[in-house]
PDB file of N, CA and C in Angstrom:
ATOM      1  N   MET A   1      -2.020  48.479  52.653  1.00  0.00           N
ATOM      2  CA  MET A   1      -2.546  47.259  52.490  1.00  0.00           C
ATOM      3  C   MET A   1      -1.542  45.914  52.260  1.00  0.00           C
ATOM      4  N   ASP A   2      -0.457  46.226  51.773  1.00  0.00           N
ATOM      5  CA  ASP A   2       0.511  44.962  51.238  1.00  0.00           C
ATOM      6  C   ASP A   2       1.303  44.894  52.367  1.00  0.00           C
ATOM      7  N   ILE A   3       0.962  45.389  53.710  1.00  0.00           N
ATOM      8  CA  ILE A   3       1.709  44.861  54.630  1.00  0.00           C
ATOM      9  C   ILE A   3       1.022  43.201  55.289  1.00  0.00           C
ATOM     10  N   TYR A   4      -0.109  42.978  55.000  1.00  0.00           N
ATOM     11  CA  TYR A   4      -1.060  42.257  55.544  1.00  0.00           C
ATOM     12  C   TYR A   4      -0.780  41.258  54.365  1.00  0.00           C
ATOM     13  N   VAL A   5      -0.602  41.514  53.146  1.00  0.00           N
ATOM     14  CA  VAL A   5      -0.759  40.561  52.255  1.00  0.00           C
ATOM     15  C   VAL A   5       0.473  39.246  52.210  1.00  0.00           C
ATOM     16  N   PRO A   6       1.713  39.320  52.724  1.00  0.00           N
ATOM     17  CA  PRO A   6       2.427  38.352  53.222  1.00  0.00           C
ATOM     18  C   PRO A   6       1.797  37.324  54.073  1.00  0.00           C
ATOM     19  N   TYR A   7       0.920  37.726  54.982  1.00  0.00           N
ATOM     20  CA  TYR A   7       0.354  36.772  56.157  1.00  0.00           C
ATOM     21  C   TYR A   7      -0.583  36.107  55.613  1.00  0.00           C
ATOM     22  N   ALA A   8      -0.909  36.133  54.417  1.00  0.00           N
ATOM     23  CA  ALA A   8      -2.166  35.569  53.659  1.00  0.00           C
ATOM     24  C   ALA A   8      -1.902  33.812  53.833  1.00  0.00           C
ATOM     25  N   PRO A   9      -0.772  33.527  53.229  1.00  0.00           N
ATOM     26  CA  PRO A   9      -0.754  31.907  53.470  1.00  0.00           C
ATOM     27  C   PRO A   9      -0.754  31.503  54.878  1.00  0.00           C
ATOM     28  N   PHE A  10      -0.407  32.077  55.460  1.00  0.00           N
ATOM     29  CA  PHE A  10      -0.553  31.783  57.151  1.00  0.00           C
ATOM     30  C   PHE A  10      -1.959  31.698  57.598  1.00  0.00           C
ATOM     31  N   MET A  11      -2.791  32.725  57.600  1.00  0.00           N
ATOM     32  CA  MET A  11      -3.955  32.819  57.849  1.00  0.00           C
ATOM     33  C   MET A  11      -4.816  31.775  56.978  1.00  0.00           C
ATOM     34  N   THR A  12      -4.665  31.577  55.856  1.00  0.00           N
ATOM     35  CA  THR A  12      -5.170  30.531  55.126  1.00  0.00           C
ATOM     36  C   THR A  12      -5.744  29.185  56.108  1.00  0.00           C
ATOM     37  N   HIS A  13      -4.437  28.822  56.864  1.00  0.00           N
ATOM     38  CA  HIS A  13      -4.370  27.525  57.470  1.00  0.00           C
ATOM     39  C   HIS A  13      -5.154  27.920  58.327  1.00  0.00           C
ATOM     40  N   VAL A  14      -5.951  28.894  58.858  1.00  0.00           N
ATOM     41  CA  VAL A  14      -6.966  28.865  60.047  1.00  0.00           C
ATOM     42  C   VAL A  14      -8.163  28.309  59.270  1.00  0.00           C
ATOM     43  N   CYS A  15      -8.644  28.260  57.852  1.00  0.00           N
ATOM     44  CA  CYS A  15      -9.725  27.893  57.199  1.00  0.00           C
ATOM     45  C   CYS A  15      -9.319  26.750  56.521  1.00  0.00           C
ATOM     46  N   GLN A  16      -8.546  26.277  56.992  1.00  0.00           N
ATOM     47  CA  GLN A  16      -8.199  25.180  55.529  1.00  0.00           C
ATOM     48  C   GLN A  16      -8.061  23.850  56.294  1.00  0.00           C
ATOM     49  N   TRP A  17      -8.318  22.772  55.383  1.00  0.00           N
ATOM     50  CA  TRP A  17      -8.702  21.232  55.948  1.00  0.00           C
ATOM     51  C   TRP A  17      -7.277  21.033  55.564  1.00  0.00           C
ATOM     52  N   ASN A  18      -6.674  19.936  56.048  1.00  0.00           N
ATOM     53  CA  ASN A  18      -5.528  18.986  55.734  1.00  0.00           C
ATOM     54  C   ASN A  18      -5.678  17.510  55.898  1.00  0.00           C
ATOM     55  N   GLY A  19      -6.945  17.338  55.747  1.00  0.00           N
ATOM     56  CA  GLY A  19      -7.135  15.462  55.812  1.00  0.00           C
ATOM     57  C   GLY A  19      -7.080  14.759  57.198  1.00  0.00           C
ATOM     58  N   GLU A  20      -7.047  15.457  58.363  1.00  0.00           N
ATOM     59  CA  GLU A  20      -6.392  15.370  59.482  1.00  0.00           C
ATOM     60  C   GLU A  20      -4.984  14.744  59.469  1.00  0.00           C
ATOM     61  N   GLY A  21      -4.251  15.394  58.566  1.00  0.00           N
ATOM     62  CA  GLY A  21      -2.628  15.119  58.704  1.00  0.00           C
ATOM     63  C   GLY A  21      -2.225  14.078  57.395  1.00  0.00           C
ATOM     64  N   LYS A  22      -3.442  13.945  56.603  1.00  0.00           N
ATOM     65  CA  LYS A  22      -3.154  13.103  55.732  1.00  0.00           C
ATOM     66  C   LYS A  22      -2.800  13.857  54.135  1.00  0.00           C
ATOM     67  N   THR A  23      -3.093  14.909  54.042  1.00  0.00           N
ATOM     68  CA  THR A  23      -2.538  15.757  52.818  1.00  0.00           C
ATOM     69  C   THR A  23      -1.346  16.002  52.757  1.00  0.00           C
ATOM     70  N   SER A  24      -0.675  16.062  52.044  1.00  0.00           N
ATOM     71  CA  SER A  24       0.936  16.112  51.890  1.00  0.00           C
ATOM     72  C   SER A  24       1.186  17.765  51.849  1.00  0.00           C
ATOM     73  N   ALA A  25       2.350  18.099  52.620  1.00  0.00           N
ATOM     74  CA  ALA A  25       2.602  19.456  53.104  1.00  0.00           C
ATOM     75  C   ALA A  25       2.490  20.349  51.989  1.00  0.00           C
ATOM     76  N   PRO A  26       3.177  19.635  50.503  1.00  0.00           N
ATOM     77  CA  PRO A  26       3.314  20.768  49.431  1.00  0.00           C
ATOM     78  C   PRO A  26       1.894  21.111  49.123  1.00  0.00           C
ATOM     79  N   LEU A  27       0.922  20.226  48.963  1.00  0.00           N
ATOM     80  CA  LEU A  27      -0.410  20.342  48.952  1.00  0.00           C
ATOM     81  C   LEU A  27      -1.238  21.356  49.536  1.00  0.00           C
ATOM     82  N   VAL A  28      -0.991  21.574  50.938  1.00  0.00           N
ATOM     83  CA  VAL A  28      -1.265  22.307  52.071  1.00  0.00           C
ATOM     84  C   VAL A  28      -1.007  23.521  51.874  1.00  0.00           C
ATOM     85  N   GLU A  29       0.707  23.853  51.948  1.00  0.00           N
ATOM     86  CA  GLU A  29       1.159  24.690  51.572  1.00  0.00           C
ATOM     87  C   GLU A  29       0.949  25.628  50.056  1.00  0.00           C
ATOM     88  N   GLY A  30       0.676  24.520  48.968  1.00  0.00           N
ATOM     89  CA  GLY A  30       0.088  25.278  47.882  1.00  0.00           C
ATOM     90  C   GLY A  30      -1.133  25.633  47.545  1.00  0.00           C
ATOM     91  N   ILE A  31      -2.194  25.332  48.642  1.00  0.00           N
ATOM     92  CA  ILE A  31      -3.168  26.243  48.572  1.00  0.00           C
ATOM     93  C   ILE A  31      -3.377  27.350  49.304  1.00  0.00           C
ATOM     94  N   ALA A  32      -2.198  27.514  50.253  1.00  0.00           N
ATOM     95  CA  ALA A  32      -1.915  28.733  51.078  1.00  0.00           C
ATOM     96  C   ALA A  32      -1.496  29.581  50.143  1.00  0.00           C
ATOM     97  N   ASP A  33      -0.704  29.072  49.011  1.00  0.00           N
ATOM     98  CA  ASP A  33       0.204  30.247  48.114  1.00  0.00           C
ATOM     99  C   ASP A  33      -0.822  30.406  47.099  1.00  0.00           C
ATOM    100  N   TYR A  34      -1.861  29.644  46.598  1.00  0.00           N
ATOM    101  CA  TYR A  34      -2.922  30.082  45.925  1.00  0.00           C
ATOM    102  C   TYR A  34      -3.720  31.211  46.395  1.00  0.00           C
ATOM    103  N   THR A  35      -3.962  31.349  47.689  1.00  0.00           N
ATOM    104  CA  THR A  35      -4.636  32.341  48.082  1.00  0.00           C
ATOM    105  C   THR A  35      -3.655  34.071  47.912  1.00  0.00           C
ATOM    106  N   VAL A  36      -2.281  33.605  47.858  1.00  0.00           N
ATOM    107  CA  VAL A  36      -1.465  34.700  47.677  1.00  0.00           C
ATOM    108  C   VAL A  36      -1.990  35.540  46.033  1.00  0.00           C
ATOM    109  N   LEU A  37      -1.961  34.385  45.083  1.00  0.00           N
ATOM    110  CA  LEU A  37      -2.460  34.260  43.843  1.00  0.00           C
ATOM    111  C   LEU A  37      -3.587  35.189  43.618  1.00  0.00           C
ATOM    112  N   LYS A  38      -4.842  34.695  44.477  1.00  0.00           N
ATOM    113  CA  LYS A  38      -6.014  35.218  44.218  1.00  0.00           C
ATOM    114  C   LYS A  38      -6.411  36.541  44.744  1.00  0.00           C
ATOM    115  N   ALA A  39      -5.352  36.885  45.549  1.00  0.00           N
ATOM    116  CA  ALA A  39      -5.351  38.251  45.844  1.00  0.00           C
ATOM    117  C   ALA A  39      -4.578  39.286  45.128  1.00  0.00           C
ATOM    118  N   ASN A  40      -4.248  38.608  43.888  1.00  0.00           N
ATOM    119  CA  ASN A  40      -3.240  39.430  42.883  1.00  0.00           C
ATOM    120  C   ASN A  40      -2.130  39.936  43.549  1.00  0.00           C
ATOM    121  N   TYR A  41      -1.485  39.444  44.396  1.00  0.00           N
ATOM    122  CA  TYR A  41      -0.069  39.754  45.110  1.00  0.00           C
ATOM    123  C   TYR A  41       0.640  38.490  44.391  1.00  0.00           C
ATOM    124  N   ASN A  42       1.863  39.109  43.476  1.00  0.00           N
ATOM    125  CA  ASN A  42       2.616  38.048  43.073  1.00  0.00           C
ATOM    126  C   ASN A  42       3.900  38.522  43.569  1.00  0.00           C
ATOM    127  N   PRO A  43       4.535  37.761  44.689  1.00  0.00           N
ATOM    128  CA  PRO A  43       5.782  38.096  45.187  1.00  0.00           C
ATOM    129  C   PRO A  43       6.867  37.773  43.994  1.00  0.00           C
ATOM    130  N   PRO A  44       8.139  38.763  44.372  1.00  0.00           N
ATOM    131  CA  PRO A  44       9.145  38.521  43.647  1.00  0.00           C
ATOM    132  C   PRO A  44       9.594  37.232  43.577  1.00  0.00           C
ATOM    133  N   GLY A  45      10.316  36.329  42.432  1.00  0.00           N
ATOM    134  CA  GLY A  45      10.538  35.073  42.417  1.00  0.00           C
ATOM    135  C   GLY A  45       9.166  34.157  42.548  1.00  0.00           C
ATOM    136  N   PHE A  46       7.805  34.613  42.589  1.00  0.00           N
ATOM    137  CA  PHE A  46       7.180  33.643  42.509  1.00  0.00           C
ATOM    138  C   PHE A  46       7.088  32.908  40.953  1.00  0.00           C
ATOM    139  N   ASN A  47       7.036  31.712  40.501  1.00  0.00           N
ATOM    140  CA  ASN A  47       7.051  31.230  39.382  1.00  0.00           C
ATOM    141  C   ASN A  47       6.006  31.907  38.713  1.00  0.00           C
ATOM    142  N   LYS A  48       6.164  31.702  37.258  1.00  0.00           N
ATOM    143  CA  LYS A  48       5.234  31.964  36.186  1.00  0.00           C
ATOM    144  C   LYS A  48       4.536  30.938  35.644  1.00  0.00           C
ATOM    145  N   PRO A  49       3.323  30.805  35.299  1.00  0.00           N
ATOM    146  CA  PRO A  49       2.376  29.565  34.627  1.00  0.00           C
ATOM    147  C   PRO A  49       3.206  28.971  33.817  1.00  0.00           C
ATOM    148  N   GLY A  50       3.139  27.703  33.893  1.00  0.00           N
ATOM    149  CA  GLY A  50       3.768  26.594  32.839  1.00  0.00           C
ATOM    150  C   GLY A  50       5.397  26.456  33.121  1.00  0.00           C
ATOM    151  N   SER A  51       6.031  27.105  33.977  1.00  0.00           N
ATOM    152  CA  SER A  51       7.310  27.288  33.973  1.00  0.00           C
ATOM    153  C   SER A  51       8.035  25.997  34.627  1.00  0.00           C
ATOM    154  N   ARG A  52       7.125  24.809  34.733  1.00  0.00           N
ATOM    155  CA  ARG A  52       7.893  23.606  35.315  1.00  0.00           C
ATOM    156  C   ARG A  52       7.428  22.282  34.812  1.00  0.00           C
ATOM    157  N   ASP A  53       7.650  21.174  35.224  1.00  0.00           N
ATOM    158  CA  ASP A  53       7.300  19.968  34.502  1.00  0.00           C
ATOM    159  C   ASP A  53       5.994  19.461  35.303  1.00  0.00           C
ATOM    160  N   ARG A  54       6.227  19.673  36.632  1.00  0.00           N
ATOM    161  CA  ARG A  54       5.103  19.089  37.521  1.00  0.00           C
ATOM    162  C   ARG A  54       4.626  19.954  38.399  1.00  0.00           C
ATOM    163  N   TRP A  55       3.364  19.870  38.657  1.00  0.00           N
ATOM    164  CA  TRP A  55       2.360  20.408  39.465  1.00  0.00           C
ATOM    165  C   TRP A  55       3.312  20.695  41.167  1.00  0.00           C
ATOM    166  N   ASP A  56       4.180  19.612  41.166  1.00  0.00           N
ATOM    167  CA  ASP A  56       4.418  19.551  42.844  1.00  0.00           C
ATOM    168  C   ASP A  56       5.673  19.841  43.077  1.00  0.00           C
ATOM    169  N   GLN A  57       6.290  20.622  42.321  1.00  0.00           N
ATOM    170  CA  GLN A  57       8.008  21.096  42.308  1.00  0.00           C
ATOM    171  C   GLN A  57       8.186  21.985  43.243  1.00  0.00           C
ATOM    172  N   GLY A  58       7.264  22.474  44.111  1.00  0.00           N
ATOM    173  CA  GLY A  58       7.197  23.689  45.231  1.00  0.00           C
ATOM    174  C   GLY A  58       5.623  24.296  45.318  1.00  0.00           C
ATOM    175  N   CYS A  59       5.755  24.795  46.268  1.00  0.00           N
ATOM    176  CA  CYS A  59       4.516  25.375  46.898  1.00  0.00           C
ATOM    177  C   CYS A  59       3.895  26.371  45.781  1.00  0.00           C
ATOM    178  N   ASP A  60       4.413  27.187  45.159  1.00  0.00           N
ATOM    179  CA  ASP A  60       4.274  28.289  44.324  1.00  0.00           C
ATOM    180  C   ASP A  60       3.835  27.516  42.786  1.00  0.00           C
ATOM    181  N   TYR A  61       4.424  26.049  42.462  1.00  0.00           N
ATOM    182  CA  TYR A  61       4.117  25.453  41.447  1.00  0.00           C
ATOM    183  C   TYR A  61       2.875  24.755  41.663  1.00  0.00           C
ATOM    184  N   THR A  62       2.747  24.299  42.897  1.00  0.00           N
ATOM    185  CA  THR A  62       1.435  23.946  43.101  1.00  0.00           C
ATOM    186  C   THR A  62       0.355  24.965  43.136  1.00  0.00           C
ATOM    187  N   ALA A  63       0.511  26.053  43.683  1.00  0.00           N
ATOM    188  CA  ALA A  63      -0.455  27.502  43.595  1.00  0.00           C
ATOM    189  C   ALA A  63      -0.934  27.650  42.092  1.00  0.00           C
ATOM    190  N   ARG A  64       0.172  27.558  41.105  1.00  0.00           N
ATOM    191  CA  ARG A  64      -0.164  27.830  39.724  1.00  0.00           C
ATOM    192  C   ARG A  64      -0.958  26.694  39.347  1.00  0.00           C
ATOM    193  N   PHE A  65      -0.872  25.466  39.431  1.00  0.00           N
ATOM    194  CA  PHE A  65      -1.743  24.242  38.957  1.00  0.00           C
ATOM    195  C   PHE A  65      -3.007  24.557  39.869  1.00  0.00           C
ATOM    196  N   LEU A  66      -2.728  24.850  40.741  1.00  0.00           N
ATOM    197  CA  LEU A  66      -4.320  25.181  41.427  1.00  0.00           C
ATOM    198  C   LEU A  66      -5.254  25.963  40.830  1.00  0.00           C
ATOM    199  N   GLU A  67      -4.440  27.056  40.491  1.00  0.00           N
ATOM    200  CA  GLU A  67      -5.072  28.490  39.813  1.00  0.00           C
ATOM    201  C   GLU A  67      -5.522  27.704  38.441  1.00  0.00           C
ATOM    202  N   TYR A  68      -4.810  26.805  37.872  1.00  0.00           N
ATOM    203  CA  TYR A  68      -5.067  25.875  36.636  1.00  0.00           C
ATOM    204  C   TYR A  68      -6.239  25.540  36.718  1.00  0.00           C
ATOM    205  N   CYS A  69      -6.495  24.536  37.693  1.00  0.00           N
ATOM    206  CA  CYS A  69      -7.624  23.857  37.849  1.00  0.00           C
ATOM    207  C   CYS A  69      -8.647  24.583  38.396  1.00  0.00           C
ATOM    208  N   ASP A  70      -8.509  25.467  38.924  1.00  0.00           N
ATOM    209  CA  ASP A  70      -9.826  26.568  39.146  1.00  0.00           C
ATOM    210  C   ASP A  70     -10.324  27.622  37.878  1.00  0.00           C
ATOM    211  N   GLU A  71      -9.488  27.408  36.966  1.00  0.00           N
ATOM    212  CA  GLU A  71      -9.789  27.878  35.886  1.00  0.00           C
ATOM    213  C   GLU A  71     -10.704  27.066  35.011  1.00  0.00           C
ATOM    214  N   LEU A  72     -10.234  25.634  35.007  1.00  0.00           N
ATOM    215  CA  LEU A  72     -11.339  24.815  34.169  1.00  0.00           C
ATOM    216  C   LEU A  72     -12.458  24.390  34.826  1.00  0.00           C
ATOM    217  N   ILE A  73     -12.470  23.939  36.224  1.00  0.00           N
ATOM    218  CA  ILE A  73     -13.509  23.929  37.136  1.00  0.00           C
ATOM    219  C   ILE A  73     -13.689  24.922  38.273  1.00  0.00           C
ATOM    220  N   PRO A  74     -14.771  25.811  38.153  1.00  0.00           N
ATOM    221  CA  PRO A  74     -14.957  26.712  39.213  1.00  0.00           C
ATOM    222  C   PRO A  74     -14.920  26.252  40.314  1.00  0.00           C
ATOM    223  N   ASP A  75     -14.433  26.896  41.637  1.00  0.00           N
ATOM    224  CA  ASP A  75     -14.552  26.405  43.072  1.00  0.00           C
ATOM    225  C   ASP A  75     -13.664  25.147  43.197  1.00  0.00           C
ATOM    226  N   PHE A  76     -12.910  24.998  42.325  1.00  0.00           N
ATOM    227  CA  PHE A  76     -12.032  23.473  42.346  1.00  0.00           C
ATOM    228  C   PHE A  76     -11.185  23.701  43.680  1.00  0.00           C
ATOM    229  N   VAL A  77     -10.928  24.539  44.133  1.00  0.00           N
ATOM    230  CA  VAL A  77      -9.756  24.815  45.095  1.00  0.00           C
ATOM    231  C   VAL A  77     -10.570  24.584  46.412  1.00  0.00           C
ATOM    232  N   ALA A  78     -11.716  25.254  46.338  1.00  0.00           N
ATOM    233  CA  ALA A  78     -12.822  25.151  47.434  1.00  0.00           C
ATOM    234  C   ALA A  78     -13.305  23.615  47.798  1.00  0.00           C
ATOM    235  N   LYS A  79     -13.645  23.424  46.517  1.00  0.00           N
ATOM    236  CA  LYS A  79     -14.425  21.770  46.764  1.00  0.00           C
ATOM    237  C   LYS A  79     -13.168  20.734  47.249  1.00  0.00           C
ATOM    238  N   LEU A  80     -12.032  21.192  46.934  1.00  0.00           N
ATOM    239  CA  LEU A  80     -11.132  20.393  47.321  1.00  0.00           C
ATOM    240  C   LEU A  80     -10.784  20.473  48.814  1.00  0.00           C
ATOM    241  N   ASN A  81     -10.525  21.676  48.926  1.00  0.00           N
ATOM    242  CA  ASN A  81     -10.563  21.810  50.610  1.00  0.00           C
ATOM    243  C   ASN A  81     -11.892  21.310  51.296  1.00  0.00           C
ATOM    244  N   ASN A  82     -12.709  21.170  50.942  1.00  0.00           N
ATOM    245  CA  ASN A  82     -13.982  20.685  51.551  1.00  0.00           C
ATOM    246  C   ASN A  82     -13.941  19.159  51.302  1.00  0.00           C
ATOM    247  N   MET A  83     -13.440  18.631  50.581  1.00  0.00           N
ATOM    248  CA  MET A  83     -13.201  16.814  50.669  1.00  0.00           C
ATOM    249  C   MET A  83     -11.943  16.779  51.501  1.00  0.00           C
ATOM    250  N   MET A  84     -11.042  17.602  52.045  1.00  0.00           N
ATOM    251  CA  MET A  84     -10.019  17.435  52.914  1.00  0.00           C
ATOM    252  C   MET A  84     -10.384  17.395  54.287  1.00  0.00           C
ATOM    253  N   ARG A  85     -11.679  17.711  54.623  1.00  0.00           N
ATOM    254  CA  ARG A  85     -11.901  17.939  55.659  1.00  0.00           C
ATOM    255  C   ARG A  85     -11.561  16.666  56.920  1.00  0.00           C
ATOM    256  N   LYS A  86     -11.840  15.231  56.204  1.00  0.00           N
ATOM    257  CA  LYS A  86     -11.631  14.218  57.593  1.00  0.00           C
ATOM    258  C   LYS A  86     -10.564  13.466  56.805  1.00  0.00           C
ATOM    259  N   THR A  87     -10.470  13.318  55.695  1.00  0.00           N
ATOM    260  CA  THR A  87      -9.188  12.701  55.170  1.00  0.00           C
ATOM    261  C   THR A  87      -8.632  13.027  53.920  1.00  0.00           C
ATOM    262  N   TYR A  88      -7.821  12.567  53.324  1.00  0.00           N
ATOM    263  CA  TYR A  88      -7.246  13.020  51.796  1.00  0.00           C
ATOM    264  C   TYR A  88      -7.061  11.794  51.154  1.00  0.00           C
ATOM    265  N   ASP A  89      -7.306  11.985  49.558  1.00  0.00           N
ATOM    266  CA  ASP A  89      -7.173  10.766  48.979  1.00  0.00           C
ATOM    267  C   ASP A  89      -6.773  11.537  47.505  1.00  0.00           C
ATOM    268  N   VAL A  90      -5.338  11.014  46.800  1.00  0.00           N
ATOM    269  CA  VAL A  90      -4.935  11.525  45.486  1.00  0.00           C
ATOM    270  C   VAL A  90      -6.657  11.631  44.488  1.00  0.00           C
ATOM    271  N   PHE A  91      -7.488  10.567  44.617  1.00  0.00           N
ATOM    272  CA  PHE A  91      -8.434  10.888  43.702  1.00  0.00           C
ATOM    273  C   PHE A  91      -9.454  11.653  43.979  1.00  0.00           C
ATOM    274  N   PHE A  92      -9.375  12.654  44.958  1.00  0.00           N
ATOM    275  CA  PHE A  92     -10.242  13.684  45.044  1.00  0.00           C
ATOM    276  C   PHE A  92      -9.922  14.460  43.907  1.00  0.00           C
ATOM    277  N   PHE A  93      -8.800  14.451  43.292  1.00  0.00           N
ATOM    278  CA  PHE A  93      -8.829  15.509  42.001  1.00  0.00           C
ATOM    279  C   PHE A  93      -9.635  14.723  40.728  1.00  0.00           C
ATOM    280  N   PHE A  94      -9.783  13.609  40.706  1.00  0.00           N
ATOM    281  CA  PHE A  94     -10.602  13.210  39.900  1.00  0.00           C
ATOM    282  C   PHE A  94     -12.296  13.069  39.853  1.00  0.00           C
ATOM    283  N   LYS A  95     -12.635  13.192  41.359  1.00  0.00           N
ATOM    284  CA  LYS A  95     -13.992  13.388  41.736  1.00  0.00           C
ATOM    285  C   LYS A  95     -14.590  14.592  41.464  1.00  0.00           C
ATOM    286  N   ILE A  96     -13.537  15.288  41.541  1.00  0.00           N
ATOM    287  CA  ILE A  96     -14.369  16.934  41.529  1.00  0.00           C
ATOM    288  C   ILE A  96     -14.244  17.243  40.039  1.00  0.00           C
TER     289      ILE A  96
END
């Protein structure tokens, strides 16, 4: 089964919205890396929770931030993805 796990981020893009190109690439890739975390697969070198100052310092840091958001608000990432269907606004984070 592990042979398929590295493809999880790429497969996520199939059912992921990007605000018709308005969403930042780090957030899009961070959501994809979040699926890796949800699959309980932590590749070597993947950061530990709380290991940086900002959520957007890399895709794996964004994934950890989204994991945290999802712990605070169930289905946060799914709601965010749905809101990004036609556009993107940083205020989506406040609306959820």
